[in-house]
Amino acid sequence: MERKREHVASAVDCYMKEHAKSQEEATEIIWKEISKAWKDITEMHQKPTPLPAALIERLLNYARFYHVLYEQGDAYTHPQLMKAQVASLFVNPVPL
């Protein structure tokens, strides 16, 4: 989808061009970097900080949201990709 819009370069395209990698290699490397970033975020979240906890939680929730939004593809552009997650939250919630 992103390749059809000539003025927008995806992270995968940029990585492929910059490091002379195939699309599969670039995608795999980027997902590994994302995994490492989540480990860093989790580590930093456990350390004391002068920032208010509410601010930290809000920022962490934004990161979580965008991770879920793009985990299975571009659910921002194609919201039907989120249909199962939305249904599990609102239509078929876990009974307490």
N, C-alpha and C. Protein backbone atom coordinates (compact mmCIF):
# COMPACT_ATOMS: atom_id res chain seq x y z
N MET A 1 0.83 -1.19 0.00
CA MET A 1 0.00 0.00 0.00
C MET A 1 0.87 1.25 0.00
N GLU A 2 1.89 1.27 0.88
CA GLU A 2 2.74 2.45 0.97
C GLU A 2 3.53 2.68 -0.31
N ARG A 3 3.84 1.63 -1.02
CA ARG A 3 4.62 1.79 -2.25
C ARG A 3 3.81 2.45 -3.36
N LYS A 4 2.49 2.36 -3.28
CA LYS A 4 1.64 2.99 -4.29
C LYS A 4 1.68 4.51 -4.13
N ARG A 5 1.91 4.98 -2.91
CA ARG A 5 2.02 6.42 -2.66
C ARG A 5 3.50 6.78 -2.77
N GLU A 6 3.90 7.34 -3.87
CA GLU A 6 5.31 7.57 -4.15
C GLU A 6 6.00 8.49 -3.15
N HIS A 7 5.27 9.39 -2.53
CA HIS A 7 5.89 10.35 -1.64
C HIS A 7 6.13 9.81 -0.22
N VAL A 8 5.70 8.58 0.06
CA VAL A 8 5.84 8.01 1.40
C VAL A 8 6.77 6.80 1.33
N ALA A 9 7.81 6.82 2.14
CA ALA A 9 8.72 5.67 2.23
C ALA A 9 8.47 4.96 3.55
N SER A 10 8.36 3.65 3.52
CA SER A 10 8.16 2.89 4.75
C SER A 10 9.51 2.65 5.42
N ALA A 11 9.45 2.24 6.67
CA ALA A 11 10.67 1.92 7.41
C ALA A 11 11.41 0.78 6.72
N VAL A 12 10.65 -0.19 6.21
CA VAL A 12 11.27 -1.33 5.52
C VAL A 12 11.98 -0.85 4.26
N ASP A 13 11.33 0.00 3.47
CA ASP A 13 11.96 0.53 2.26
C ASP A 13 13.25 1.28 2.57
N CYS A 14 13.19 2.12 3.59
CA CYS A 14 14.38 2.90 3.98
C CYS A 14 15.51 1.97 4.40
N TYR A 15 15.18 0.95 5.19
CA TYR A 15 16.21 0.02 5.67
C TYR A 15 16.80 -0.76 4.49
N MET A 16 15.94 -1.21 3.58
CA MET A 16 16.41 -1.95 2.41
C MET A 16 17.41 -1.12 1.61
N LYS A 17 17.07 0.13 1.37
CA LYS A 17 17.93 1.00 0.57
C LYS A 17 19.23 1.33 1.30
N GLU A 18 19.12 1.62 2.59
CA GLU A 18 20.28 2.04 3.37
C GLU A 18 21.29 0.91 3.60
N HIS A 19 20.76 -0.34 3.76
CA HIS A 19 21.64 -1.46 4.13
C HIS A 19 21.73 -2.55 3.06
N ALA A 20 21.16 -2.30 1.88
CA ALA A 20 21.18 -3.26 0.76
C ALA A 20 20.68 -4.63 1.20
N LYS A 21 19.49 -4.65 1.78
CA LYS A 21 18.87 -5.90 2.25
C LYS A 21 17.59 -6.16 1.47
N SER A 22 17.16 -7.42 1.47
CA SER A 22 15.89 -7.77 0.83
C SER A 22 14.75 -7.33 1.75
N GLN A 23 13.54 -7.35 1.23
CA GLN A 23 12.39 -6.96 2.03
C GLN A 23 12.22 -7.89 3.22
N GLU A 24 12.40 -9.18 3.02
CA GLU A 24 12.26 -10.16 4.10
C GLU A 24 13.31 -9.92 5.19
N GLU A 25 14.56 -9.69 4.77
CA GLU A 25 15.63 -9.43 5.74
C GLU A 25 15.37 -8.15 6.52
N ALA A 26 14.97 -7.11 5.81
CA ALA A 26 14.70 -5.82 6.46
C ALA A 26 13.56 -5.94 7.45
N THR A 27 12.50 -6.63 7.05
CA THR A 27 11.34 -6.81 7.94
C THR A 27 11.75 -7.57 9.20
N GLU A 28 12.51 -8.64 9.04
CA GLU A 28 12.96 -9.44 10.18
C GLU A 28 13.83 -8.60 11.12
N ILE A 29 14.74 -7.84 10.58
CA ILE A 29 15.63 -7.01 11.39
C ILE A 29 14.84 -5.94 12.13
N ILE A 30 13.89 -5.32 11.46
CA ILE A 30 13.09 -4.28 12.10
C ILE A 30 12.28 -4.86 13.25
N TRP A 31 11.67 -6.05 13.06
CA TRP A 31 10.91 -6.67 14.15
C TRP A 31 11.82 -7.04 15.32
N LYS A 32 13.06 -7.44 15.05
CA LYS A 32 14.01 -7.71 16.13
C LYS A 32 14.33 -6.43 16.90
N GLU A 33 14.48 -5.32 16.17
CA GLU A 33 14.74 -4.03 16.82
C GLU A 33 13.55 -3.59 17.66
N ILE A 34 12.35 -3.84 17.18
CA ILE A 34 11.15 -3.52 17.94
C ILE A 34 11.11 -4.34 19.23
N SER A 35 11.46 -5.61 19.12
CA SER A 35 11.49 -6.48 20.29
C SER A 35 12.50 -5.97 21.33
N LYS A 36 13.68 -5.57 20.85
CA LYS A 36 14.70 -5.01 21.76
C LYS A 36 14.21 -3.72 22.40
N ALA A 37 13.53 -2.90 21.62
CA ALA A 37 13.01 -1.63 22.15
C ALA A 37 11.99 -1.88 23.26
N TRP A 38 11.12 -2.89 23.09
CA TRP A 38 10.15 -3.21 24.13
C TRP A 38 10.86 -3.68 25.40
N LYS A 39 11.93 -4.44 25.25
CA LYS A 39 12.70 -4.86 26.43
C LYS A 39 13.29 -3.66 27.15
N ASP A 40 13.81 -2.70 26.38
CA ASP A 40 14.36 -1.46 26.96
C ASP A 40 13.26 -0.67 27.68
N ILE A 41 12.10 -0.57 27.04
CA ILE A 41 10.98 0.17 27.64
C ILE A 41 10.57 -0.48 28.95
N THR A 42 10.48 -1.79 28.95
CA THR A 42 10.09 -2.52 30.17
C THR A 42 11.11 -2.30 31.27
N GLU A 43 12.38 -2.38 30.94
CA GLU A 43 13.45 -2.14 31.93
C GLU A 43 13.37 -0.74 32.49
N MET A 44 13.24 0.25 31.62
CA MET A 44 13.20 1.64 32.07
C MET A 44 11.94 1.93 32.88
N HIS A 45 10.86 1.24 32.57
CA HIS A 45 9.60 1.44 33.28
C HIS A 45 9.71 0.98 34.74
N GLN A 46 10.62 0.06 35.01
CA GLN A 46 10.78 -0.48 36.36
C GLN A 46 11.72 0.34 37.22
N LYS A 47 12.43 1.28 36.62
CA LYS A 47 13.38 2.10 37.36
C LYS A 47 12.70 3.36 37.89
N PRO A 48 13.17 3.88 39.01
CA PRO A 48 12.60 5.13 39.53
C PRO A 48 12.88 6.29 38.58
N THR A 49 11.95 7.24 38.52
CA THR A 49 12.08 8.38 37.64
C THR A 49 11.44 9.61 38.29
N PRO A 50 11.95 10.80 37.99
CA PRO A 50 11.33 12.00 38.56
C PRO A 50 10.02 12.39 37.85
N LEU A 51 9.72 11.74 36.73
CA LEU A 51 8.50 12.05 35.99
C LEU A 51 7.28 11.45 36.70
N PRO A 52 6.14 12.10 36.60
CA PRO A 52 4.92 11.56 37.23
C PRO A 52 4.54 10.21 36.62
N ALA A 53 4.11 9.30 37.48
CA ALA A 53 3.73 7.95 37.03
C ALA A 53 2.61 8.01 36.00
N ALA A 54 1.68 8.95 36.16
CA ALA A 54 0.57 9.06 35.21
C ALA A 54 1.08 9.38 33.80
N LEU A 55 2.09 10.23 33.70
CA LEU A 55 2.68 10.57 32.40
C LEU A 55 3.36 9.35 31.79
N ILE A 56 4.12 8.65 32.58
CA ILE A 56 4.82 7.45 32.10
C ILE A 56 3.80 6.42 31.59
N GLU A 57 2.74 6.19 32.36
CA GLU A 57 1.72 5.22 31.95
C GLU A 57 1.04 5.64 30.65
N ARG A 58 0.74 6.92 30.53
CA ARG A 58 0.09 7.41 29.30
C ARG A 58 0.97 7.17 28.09
N LEU A 59 2.26 7.50 28.20
CA LEU A 59 3.19 7.29 27.09
C LEU A 59 3.35 5.82 26.77
N LEU A 60 3.43 4.99 27.80
CA LEU A 60 3.54 3.55 27.60
C LEU A 60 2.29 3.01 26.92
N ASN A 61 1.12 3.50 27.30
CA ASN A 61 -0.12 3.06 26.66
C ASN A 61 -0.19 3.47 25.19
N TYR A 62 0.33 4.66 24.86
CA TYR A 62 0.41 5.05 23.45
C TYR A 62 1.29 4.07 22.68
N ALA A 63 2.43 3.73 23.24
CA ALA A 63 3.33 2.78 22.58
C ALA A 63 2.65 1.42 22.40
N ARG A 64 1.95 0.97 23.43
CA ARG A 64 1.24 -0.31 23.34
C ARG A 64 0.18 -0.27 22.24
N PHE A 65 -0.57 0.83 22.22
CA PHE A 65 -1.63 0.98 21.22
C PHE A 65 -1.07 0.90 19.80
N TYR A 66 -0.01 1.66 19.55
CA TYR A 66 0.55 1.66 18.19
C TYR A 66 1.19 0.33 17.84
N HIS A 67 1.73 -0.36 18.82
CA HIS A 67 2.29 -1.68 18.55
C HIS A 67 1.18 -2.63 18.09
N VAL A 68 0.06 -2.63 18.81
CA VAL A 68 -1.08 -3.48 18.43
C VAL A 68 -1.64 -3.04 17.08
N LEU A 69 -1.70 -1.74 16.85
CA LEU A 69 -2.26 -1.21 15.61
C LEU A 69 -1.48 -1.68 14.38
N TYR A 70 -0.18 -1.80 14.49
CA TYR A 70 0.64 -2.17 13.33
C TYR A 70 1.21 -3.59 13.39
N GLU A 71 0.91 -4.32 14.44
CA GLU A 71 1.49 -5.66 14.62
C GLU A 71 1.11 -6.63 13.51
N GLN A 72 -0.14 -6.64 13.08
CA GLN A 72 -0.61 -7.57 12.06
C GLN A 72 -0.69 -6.93 10.68
N GLY A 73 -0.15 -5.74 10.53
CA GLY A 73 -0.25 -5.00 9.29
C GLY A 73 -0.66 -3.57 9.61
N ASP A 74 -1.04 -2.83 8.63
CA ASP A 74 -1.41 -1.43 8.83
C ASP A 74 -2.89 -1.32 9.16
N ALA A 75 -3.23 -1.50 10.41
CA ALA A 75 -4.63 -1.44 10.84
C ALA A 75 -5.14 -0.01 10.89
N TYR A 76 -4.26 0.96 10.80
CA TYR A 76 -4.70 2.35 10.73
C TYR A 76 -5.36 2.61 9.38
N THR A 77 -4.71 2.13 8.33
CA THR A 77 -5.25 2.29 6.99
C THR A 77 -6.33 1.26 6.70
N HIS A 78 -6.19 0.07 7.27
CA HIS A 78 -7.13 -1.04 7.03
C HIS A 78 -7.72 -1.49 8.37
N PRO A 79 -8.71 -0.75 8.89
CA PRO A 79 -9.24 -1.05 10.23
C PRO A 79 -9.88 -2.43 10.36
N GLN A 80 -10.23 -3.06 9.25
CA GLN A 80 -10.80 -4.40 9.33
C GLN A 80 -9.82 -5.39 9.96
N LEU A 81 -8.53 -5.07 9.94
CA LEU A 81 -7.52 -5.93 10.58
C LEU A 81 -7.69 -5.97 12.10
N MET A 82 -8.37 -4.97 12.65
CA MET A 82 -8.57 -4.91 14.11
C MET A 82 -9.92 -5.48 14.53
N LYS A 83 -10.67 -6.01 13.61
CA LYS A 83 -12.04 -6.47 13.90
C LYS A 83 -12.06 -7.50 15.03
N ALA A 84 -11.17 -8.47 15.01
CA ALA A 84 -11.16 -9.51 16.04
C ALA A 84 -10.81 -8.93 17.42
N GLN A 85 -9.84 -8.00 17.47
CA GLN A 85 -9.47 -7.40 18.75
C GLN A 85 -10.60 -6.56 19.32
N VAL A 86 -11.26 -5.79 18.47
CA VAL A 86 -12.37 -4.95 18.94
C VAL A 86 -13.52 -5.83 19.42
N ALA A 87 -13.81 -6.88 18.68
CA ALA A 87 -14.87 -7.80 19.09
C ALA A 87 -14.55 -8.46 20.42
N SER A 88 -13.30 -8.84 20.62
CA SER A 88 -12.94 -9.48 21.89
C SER A 88 -13.05 -8.52 23.07
N LEU A 89 -12.87 -7.23 22.83
CA LEU A 89 -12.99 -6.25 23.91
C LEU A 89 -14.43 -5.88 24.21
N PHE A 90 -15.23 -5.66 23.17
CA PHE A 90 -16.56 -5.09 23.37
C PHE A 90 -17.72 -6.05 23.12
N VAL A 91 -17.55 -6.99 22.21
CA VAL A 91 -18.64 -7.89 21.88
C VAL A 91 -18.58 -9.16 22.74
N ASN A 92 -17.38 -9.72 22.88
CA ASN A 92 -17.19 -10.96 23.64
C ASN A 92 -16.19 -10.75 24.77
N PRO A 93 -16.47 -9.88 25.72
CA PRO A 93 -15.50 -9.63 26.79
C PRO A 93 -15.34 -10.85 27.70
N VAL A 94 -14.23 -10.93 28.36
CA VAL A 94 -13.96 -12.01 29.31
C VAL A 94 -14.81 -11.77 30.55
N PRO A 95 -15.63 -12.75 30.95
CA PRO A 95 -16.46 -12.56 32.15
C PRO A 95 -15.57 -12.49 33.41
N LEU A 96 -15.92 -11.60 34.31
CA LEU A 96 -15.15 -11.45 35.55
C LEU A 96 -15.80 -12.19 36.69
